[in-house]
PDB file of all heavy atoms in Angstrom:
ATOM      1  N   GLU A   1     -73.493-260.618  18.607  1.00  0.00           N
ATOM      2  CA  GLU A   1     -72.188-260.498  19.245  1.00  0.00           C
ATOM      3  C   GLU A   1     -71.574-261.988  19.445  1.00  0.00           C
ATOM      4  O   GLU A   1     -70.376-262.059  19.346  1.00  0.00           O
ATOM      5  CB  GLU A   1     -72.361-259.833  20.625  1.00  0.00           C
ATOM      6  CG  GLU A   1     -72.699-258.302  20.348  1.00  0.00           C
ATOM      7  CD  GLU A   1     -72.882-257.528  21.738  1.00  0.00           C
ATOM      8  OE1 GLU A   1     -73.354-258.127  22.707  1.00  0.00           O
ATOM      9  OE2 GLU A   1     -72.609-256.328  21.689  1.00  0.00           O
ATOM     10  N   SER A   2     -72.464-262.928  19.701  1.00  0.00           N
ATOM     11  CA  SER A   2     -71.864-264.349  19.776  1.00  0.00           C
ATOM     12  C   SER A   2     -71.255-264.781  18.550  1.00  0.00           C
ATOM     13  O   SER A   2     -70.386-265.692  18.445  1.00  0.00           O
ATOM     14  CB  SER A   2     -72.925-265.268  20.356  1.00  0.00           C
ATOM     15  OG  SER A   2     -73.856-265.658  19.342  1.00  0.00           O
ATOM     16  N   LYS A   3     -71.721-264.261  17.390  1.00  0.00           N
ATOM     17  CA  LYS A   3     -71.235-264.585  16.045  1.00  0.00           C
ATOM     18  C   LYS A   3     -69.967-263.746  15.599  1.00  0.00           C
ATOM     19  O   LYS A   3     -69.505-263.891  14.548  1.00  0.00           O
ATOM     20  CB  LYS A   3     -72.393-264.447  15.061  1.00  0.00           C
ATOM     21  CG  LYS A   3     -73.619-265.433  15.345  1.00  0.00           C
ATOM     22  CD  LYS A   3     -73.246-266.875  15.277  1.00  0.00           C
ATOM     23  CE  LYS A   3     -72.882-267.302  13.957  1.00  0.00           C
ATOM     24  NZ  LYS A   3     -72.509-268.753  13.933  1.00  0.00           N
ATOM     25  N   GLY A   4     -69.649-262.816  16.473  1.00  0.00           N
ATOM     26  CA  GLY A   4     -68.385-261.928  16.133  1.00  0.00           C
ATOM     27  C   GLY A   4     -68.734-260.626  15.817  1.00  0.00           C
ATOM     28  O   GLY A   4     -67.828-259.780  15.563  1.00  0.00           O
ATOM     29  N   ALA A   5     -69.968-260.090  15.733  1.00  0.00           N
ATOM     30  CA  ALA A   5     -70.265-258.694  15.467  1.00  0.00           C
ATOM     31  C   ALA A   5     -70.024-257.892  16.756  1.00  0.00           C
ATOM     32  O   ALA A   5     -70.103-258.363  17.875  1.00  0.00           O
ATOM     33  CB  ALA A   5     -71.763-258.549  15.066  1.00  0.00           C
ATOM     34  N   ARG A   6     -69.679-256.591  16.534  1.00  0.00           N
ATOM     35  CA  ARG A   6     -69.279-255.796  17.660  1.00  0.00           C
ATOM     36  C   ARG A   6     -70.231-254.525  17.545  1.00  0.00           C
ATOM     37  O   ARG A   6     -70.421-253.969  16.472  1.00  0.00           O
ATOM     38  CB  ARG A   6     -67.827-255.393  17.634  1.00  0.00           C
ATOM     39  CG  ARG A   6     -66.914-256.503  17.795  1.00  0.00           C
ATOM     40  CD  ARG A   6     -66.972-257.075  19.226  1.00  0.00           C
ATOM     41  NE  ARG A   6     -66.297-258.343  19.300  1.00  0.00           N
ATOM     42  CZ  ARG A   6     -66.910-259.524  19.520  1.00  0.00           C
ATOM     43  NH1 ARG A   6     -68.145-259.636  19.651  1.00  0.00           N
ATOM     44  NH2 ARG A   6     -66.248-260.636  19.552  1.00  0.00           N
ATOM     45  N   PHE A   7     -70.686-254.082  18.819  1.00  0.00           N
ATOM     46  CA  PHE A   7     -71.478-252.809  18.804  1.00  0.00           C
ATOM     47  C   PHE A   7     -70.704-251.680  18.411  1.00  0.00           C
ATOM     48  O   PHE A   7     -69.603-251.507  18.732  1.00  0.00           O
ATOM     49  CB  PHE A   7     -71.973-252.715  20.304  1.00  0.00           C
ATOM     50  CG  PHE A   7     -72.708-251.455  20.552  1.00  0.00           C
ATOM     51  CD1 PHE A   7     -74.041-251.383  20.128  1.00  0.00           C
ATOM     52  CD2 PHE A   7     -72.232-250.343  21.072  1.00  0.00           C
ATOM     53  CE1 PHE A   7     -74.811-250.173  20.441  1.00  0.00           C
ATOM     54  CE2 PHE A   7     -72.849-249.281  21.380  1.00  0.00           C
ATOM     55  CZ  PHE A   7     -74.156-249.163  20.996  1.00  0.00           C
ATOM     56  N   GLN A   8     -71.443-250.831  17.564  1.00  0.00           N
ATOM     57  CA  GLN A   8     -70.844-249.588  17.049  1.00  0.00           C
ATOM     58  C   GLN A   8     -71.551-248.391  17.880  1.00  0.00           C
ATOM     59  O   GLN A   8     -70.869-247.512  18.403  1.00  0.00           O
ATOM     60  CB  GLN A   8     -71.091-249.364  15.650  1.00  0.00           C
ATOM     61  CG  GLN A   8     -70.070-250.080  14.760  1.00  0.00           C
ATOM     62  CD  GLN A   8     -70.334-249.537  13.285  1.00  0.00           C
ATOM     63  OE1 GLN A   8     -71.318-249.503  12.821  1.00  0.00           O
ATOM     64  NE2 GLN A   8     -69.202-249.216  12.629  1.00  0.00           N
ATOM     65  N   LEU A   9     -72.856-248.341  17.742  1.00  0.00           N
ATOM     66  CA  LEU A   9     -73.630-247.122  18.234  1.00  0.00           C
ATOM     67  C   LEU A   9     -75.095-247.429  18.212  1.00  0.00           C
ATOM     68  O   LEU A   9     -75.491-248.447  17.641  1.00  0.00           O
ATOM     69  CB  LEU A   9     -73.329-245.946  17.366  1.00  0.00           C
ATOM     70  CG  LEU A   9     -73.540-245.993  15.849  1.00  0.00           C
ATOM     71  CD1 LEU A   9     -74.977-245.663  15.412  1.00  0.00           C
ATOM     72  CD2 LEU A   9     -72.515-245.173  15.144  1.00  0.00           C
ATOM     73  N   MET A  10     -75.879-246.562  18.831  1.00  0.00           N
ATOM     74  CA  MET A  10     -77.352-246.631  18.766  1.00  0.00           C
ATOM     75  C   MET A  10     -77.713-245.851  17.476  1.00  0.00           C
ATOM     76  O   MET A  10     -77.211-244.798  17.249  1.00  0.00           O
ATOM     77  CB  MET A  10     -77.979-246.138  19.988  1.00  0.00           C
ATOM     78  CG  MET A  10     -77.664-246.903  21.268  1.00  0.00           C
ATOM     79  SD  MET A  10     -78.220-248.678  21.112  1.00  0.00           S
ATOM     80  CE  MET A  10     -79.964-248.409  21.277  1.00  0.00           C
ATOM     81  N   ALA A  11     -78.634-246.405  16.729  1.00  0.00           N
ATOM     82  CA  ALA A  11     -79.066-245.765  15.398  1.00  0.00           C
ATOM     83  C   ALA A  11     -80.600-245.840  15.320  1.00  0.00           C
ATOM     84  O   ALA A  11     -81.257-246.709  15.986  1.00  0.00           O
ATOM     85  CB  ALA A  11     -78.395-246.451  14.234  1.00  0.00           C
ATOM     86  N   ALA A  12     -81.096-244.951  14.509  1.00  0.00           N
ATOM     87  CA  ALA A  12     -82.596-244.837  14.304  1.00  0.00           C
ATOM     88  C   ALA A  12     -83.115-245.955  13.646  1.00  0.00           C
ATOM     89  O   ALA A  12     -82.506-246.509  12.572  1.00  0.00           O
ATOM     90  CB  ALA A  12     -82.918-243.513  13.542  1.00  0.00           C
ATOM     91  N   SER A  13     -84.215-246.552  14.072  1.00  0.00           N
ATOM     92  CA  SER A  13     -84.934-247.554  13.387  1.00  0.00           C
ATOM     93  C   SER A  13     -85.378-247.174  12.082  1.00  0.00           C
ATOM     94  O   SER A  13     -85.777-246.007  11.840  1.00  0.00           O
ATOM     95  CB  SER A  13     -86.142-248.007  14.276  1.00  0.00           C
ATOM     96  OG  SER A  13     -87.085-248.866  13.496  1.00  0.00           O
ATOM     97  N   ASP A  14     -85.444-248.086  11.095  1.00  0.00           N
ATOM     98  CA  ASP A  14     -85.925-247.753   9.785  1.00  0.00           C
ATOM     99  C   ASP A  14     -87.422-248.149   9.651  1.00  0.00           C
ATOM    100  O   ASP A  14     -87.997-247.887   8.610  1.00  0.00           O
ATOM    101  CB  ASP A  14     -85.062-248.432   8.682  1.00  0.00           C
ATOM    102  CG  ASP A  14     -84.827-249.864   8.850  1.00  0.00           C
ATOM    103  OD1 ASP A  14     -85.304-250.415   9.963  1.00  0.00           O
ATOM    104  OD2 ASP A  14     -84.086-250.421   8.135  1.00  0.00           O
ATOM    105  N   ALA A  15     -88.031-248.551  10.711  1.00  0.00           N
ATOM    106  CA  ALA A  15     -89.401-248.871  10.760  1.00  0.00           C
ATOM    107  C   ALA A  15     -90.281-248.091  11.738  1.00  0.00           C
ATOM    108  O   ALA A  15     -91.350-247.790  11.479  1.00  0.00           O
ATOM    109  CB  ALA A  15     -89.591-250.423  11.112  1.00  0.00           C
ATOM    110  N   ILE A  16     -89.652-247.768  12.845  1.00  0.00           N
ATOM    111  CA  ILE A  16     -90.520-247.102  13.948  1.00  0.00           C
ATOM    112  C   ILE A  16     -89.803-245.771  14.200  1.00  0.00           C
ATOM    113  O   ILE A  16     -88.711-245.738  14.751  1.00  0.00           O
ATOM    114  CB  ILE A  16     -90.515-247.964  15.219  1.00  0.00           C
ATOM    115  CG1 ILE A  16     -90.923-249.436  14.907  1.00  0.00           C
ATOM    116  CG2 ILE A  16     -91.356-247.286  16.300  1.00  0.00           C
ATOM    117  CD1 ILE A  16     -92.336-249.553  14.553  1.00  0.00           C
ATOM    118  N   ALA A  17     -90.507-244.611  13.917  1.00  0.00           N
ATOM    119  CA  ALA A  17     -90.025-243.365  14.201  1.00  0.00           C
ATOM    120  C   ALA A  17     -89.773-243.181  15.655  1.00  0.00           C
ATOM    121  O   ALA A  17     -90.560-243.560  16.513  1.00  0.00           O
ATOM    122  CB  ALA A  17     -90.991-242.276  13.764  1.00  0.00           C
ATOM    123  N   GLY A  18     -88.530-242.607  15.961  1.00  0.00           N
ATOM    124  CA  GLY A  18     -88.164-242.351  17.373  1.00  0.00           C
ATOM    125  C   GLY A  18     -87.541-243.513  18.045  1.00  0.00           C
ATOM    126  O   GLY A  18     -87.011-243.354  19.167  1.00  0.00           O
ATOM    127  N   ARG A  19     -87.524-244.742  17.407  1.00  0.00           N
ATOM    128  CA  ARG A  19     -86.914-245.912  18.170  1.00  0.00           C
ATOM    129  C   ARG A  19     -85.480-245.994  17.796  1.00  0.00           C
ATOM    130  O   ARG A  19     -85.071-245.895  16.672  1.00  0.00           O
ATOM    131  CB  ARG A  19     -87.671-247.161  17.691  1.00  0.00           C
ATOM    132  CG  ARG A  19     -87.194-248.446  18.400  1.00  0.00           C
ATOM    133  CD  ARG A  19     -88.124-249.599  18.040  1.00  0.00           C
ATOM    134  NE  ARG A  19     -87.756-250.696  18.989  1.00  0.00           N
ATOM    135  CZ  ARG A  19     -87.570-251.951  18.613  1.00  0.00           C
ATOM    136  NH1 ARG A  19     -87.647-252.239  17.299  1.00  0.00           N
ATOM    137  NH2 ARG A  19     -87.319-252.834  19.451  1.00  0.00           N
ATOM    138  N   MET A  20     -84.582-246.254  18.807  1.00  0.00           N
ATOM    139  CA  MET A  20     -83.155-246.333  18.584  1.00  0.00           C
ATOM    140  C   MET A  20     -82.842-247.883  18.817  1.00  0.00           C
ATOM    141  O   MET A  20     -83.313-248.522  19.698  1.00  0.00           O
ATOM    142  CB  MET A  20     -82.402-245.473  19.599  1.00  0.00           C
ATOM    143  CG  MET A  20     -82.743-244.025  19.398  1.00  0.00           C
ATOM    144  SD  MET A  20     -82.306-243.363  17.769  1.00  0.00           S
ATOM    145  CE  MET A  20     -80.556-243.332  17.914  1.00  0.00           C
ATOM    146  N   LEU A  21     -81.973-248.258  17.917  1.00  0.00           N
ATOM    147  CA  LEU A  21     -81.580-249.730  17.892  1.00  0.00           C
ATOM    148  C   LEU A  21     -80.008-249.788  17.964  1.00  0.00           C
ATOM    149  O   LEU A  21     -79.424-248.946  17.368  1.00  0.00           O
ATOM    150  CB  LEU A  21     -82.119-250.417  16.695  1.00  0.00           C
ATOM    151  CG  LEU A  21     -83.660-250.473  16.492  1.00  0.00           C
ATOM    152  CD1 LEU A  21     -83.968-250.974  15.113  1.00  0.00           C
ATOM    153  CD2 LEU A  21     -84.221-251.315  17.560  1.00  0.00           C
ATOM    154  N   PRO A  22     -79.532-250.916  18.425  1.00  0.00           N
ATOM    155  CA  PRO A  22     -78.044-251.173  18.357  1.00  0.00           C
ATOM    156  C   PRO A  22     -77.631-251.438  16.903  1.00  0.00           C
ATOM    157  O   PRO A  22     -78.325-252.203  16.146  1.00  0.00           O
ATOM    158  CB  PRO A  22     -77.791-252.463  19.141  1.00  0.00           C
ATOM    159  CG  PRO A  22     -79.087-252.797  19.687  1.00  0.00           C
ATOM    160  CD  PRO A  22     -80.223-251.969  19.108  1.00  0.00           C
ATOM    161  N   ARG A  23     -76.566-250.702  16.397  1.00  0.00           N
ATOM    162  CA  ARG A  23     -75.973-251.014  15.158  1.00  0.00           C
ATOM    163  C   ARG A  23     -74.640-251.674  15.465  1.00  0.00           C
ATOM    164  O   ARG A  23     -73.858-251.218  16.267  1.00  0.00           O
ATOM    165  CB  ARG A  23     -75.707-249.716  14.337  1.00  0.00           C
ATOM    166  CG  ARG A  23     -75.060-250.096  13.063  1.00  0.00           C
ATOM    167  CD  ARG A  23     -75.095-248.908  12.089  1.00  0.00           C
ATOM    168  NE  ARG A  23     -76.299-248.869  11.318  1.00  0.00           N
ATOM    169  CZ  ARG A  23     -76.554-249.698  10.252  1.00  0.00           C
ATOM    170  NH1 ARG A  23     -75.884-250.709  10.001  1.00  0.00           N
ATOM    171  NH2 ARG A  23     -77.724-249.552   9.597  1.00  0.00           N
ATOM    172  N   LEU A  24     -74.489-252.858  14.770  1.00  0.00           N
ATOM    173  CA  LEU A  24     -73.193-253.636  15.054  1.00  0.00           C
ATOM    174  C   LEU A  24     -72.520-253.799  13.677  1.00  0.00           C
ATOM    175  O   LEU A  24     -73.128-253.603  12.672  1.00  0.00           O
ATOM    176  CB  LEU A  24     -73.598-255.005  15.563  1.00  0.00           C
ATOM    177  CG  LEU A  24     -74.299-255.015  16.956  1.00  0.00           C
ATOM    178  CD1 LEU A  24     -75.805-255.242  16.708  1.00  0.00           C
ATOM    179  CD2 LEU A  24     -73.752-256.160  17.769  1.00  0.00           C
ATOM    180  N   VAL A  25     -71.196-254.144  13.677  1.00  0.00           N
ATOM    181  CA  VAL A  25     -70.441-254.526  12.609  1.00  0.00           C
ATOM    182  C   VAL A  25     -69.717-255.775  12.761  1.00  0.00           C
ATOM    183  O   VAL A  25     -69.210-255.993  13.884  1.00  0.00           O
ATOM    184  CB  VAL A  25     -69.604-253.276  12.138  1.00  0.00           C
ATOM    185  CG1 VAL A  25     -68.487-253.066  13.157  1.00  0.00           C
ATOM    186  CG2 VAL A  25     -68.997-253.567  10.711  1.00  0.00           C
ATOM    187  N   HIS A  26     -69.754-256.552  11.744  1.00  0.00           N
ATOM    188  CA  HIS A  26     -68.986-257.849  11.826  1.00  0.00           C
ATOM    189  C   HIS A  26     -67.840-257.630  10.722  1.00  0.00           C
ATOM    190  O   HIS A  26     -68.139-257.652   9.582  1.00  0.00           O
ATOM    191  CB  HIS A  26     -69.905-258.991  11.447  1.00  0.00           C
ATOM    192  CG  HIS A  26     -69.142-260.372  11.641  1.00  0.00           C
ATOM    193  ND1 HIS A  26     -69.881-261.452  11.937  1.00  0.00           N
ATOM    194  CD2 HIS A  26     -67.935-260.710  11.531  1.00  0.00           C
ATOM    195  CE1 HIS A  26     -69.049-262.500  12.097  1.00  0.00           C
ATOM    196  NE2 HIS A  26     -67.770-262.015  11.842  1.00  0.00           N
ATOM    197  N   HIS A  27     -66.621-257.600  11.188  1.00  0.00           N
ATOM    198  CA  HIS A  27     -65.510-257.547  10.317  1.00  0.00           C
ATOM    199  C   HIS A  27     -65.191-258.938   9.688  1.00  0.00           C
ATOM    200  O   HIS A  27     -64.934-259.808  10.450  1.00  0.00           O
ATOM    201  CB  HIS A  27     -64.262-256.963  11.010  1.00  0.00           C
ATOM    202  CG  HIS A  27     -64.455-255.528  11.338  1.00  0.00           C
ATOM    203  ND1 HIS A  27     -64.490-254.470  10.555  1.00  0.00           N
ATOM    204  CD2 HIS A  27     -64.717-254.984  12.646  1.00  0.00           C
ATOM    205  CE1 HIS A  27     -64.614-253.370  11.181  1.00  0.00           C
ATOM    206  NE2 HIS A  27     -64.893-253.663  12.425  1.00  0.00           N
ATOM    207  N   LEU A  28     -65.261-258.994   8.399  1.00  0.00           N
ATOM    208  CA  LEU A  28     -65.199-260.246   7.696  1.00  0.00           C
ATOM    209  C   LEU A  28     -63.854-260.699   7.189  1.00  0.00           C
ATOM    210  O   LEU A  28     -63.603-261.916   6.860  1.00  0.00           O
ATOM    211  CB  LEU A  28     -66.195-260.311   6.627  1.00  0.00           C
ATOM    212  CG  LEU A  28     -67.670-259.998   6.929  1.00  0.00           C
ATOM    213  CD1 LEU A  28     -68.472-259.809   5.657  1.00  0.00           C
ATOM    214  CD2 LEU A  28     -68.214-261.117   7.743  1.00  0.00           C
ATOM    215  N   ALA A  29     -62.933-259.812   7.186  1.00  0.00           N
ATOM    216  CA  ALA A  29     -61.601-260.011   6.575  1.00  0.00           C
ATOM    217  C   ALA A  29     -60.754-260.861   7.432  1.00  0.00           C
ATOM    218  O   ALA A  29     -60.879-261.000   8.620  1.00  0.00           O
ATOM    219  CB  ALA A  29     -60.884-258.683   6.269  1.00  0.00           C
TER     220      ALA A  29
END
C-alpha cells in the first residue's frame, strides 16, 4: 500500500488450503 497498491478483496491462498489473503492492485497507467 505504501508503494501505491490498493486493497481489492480477500482471496484464497495458492499455497495453504483455507487461508485467505489480501489481494491488491497497483494501477500502473
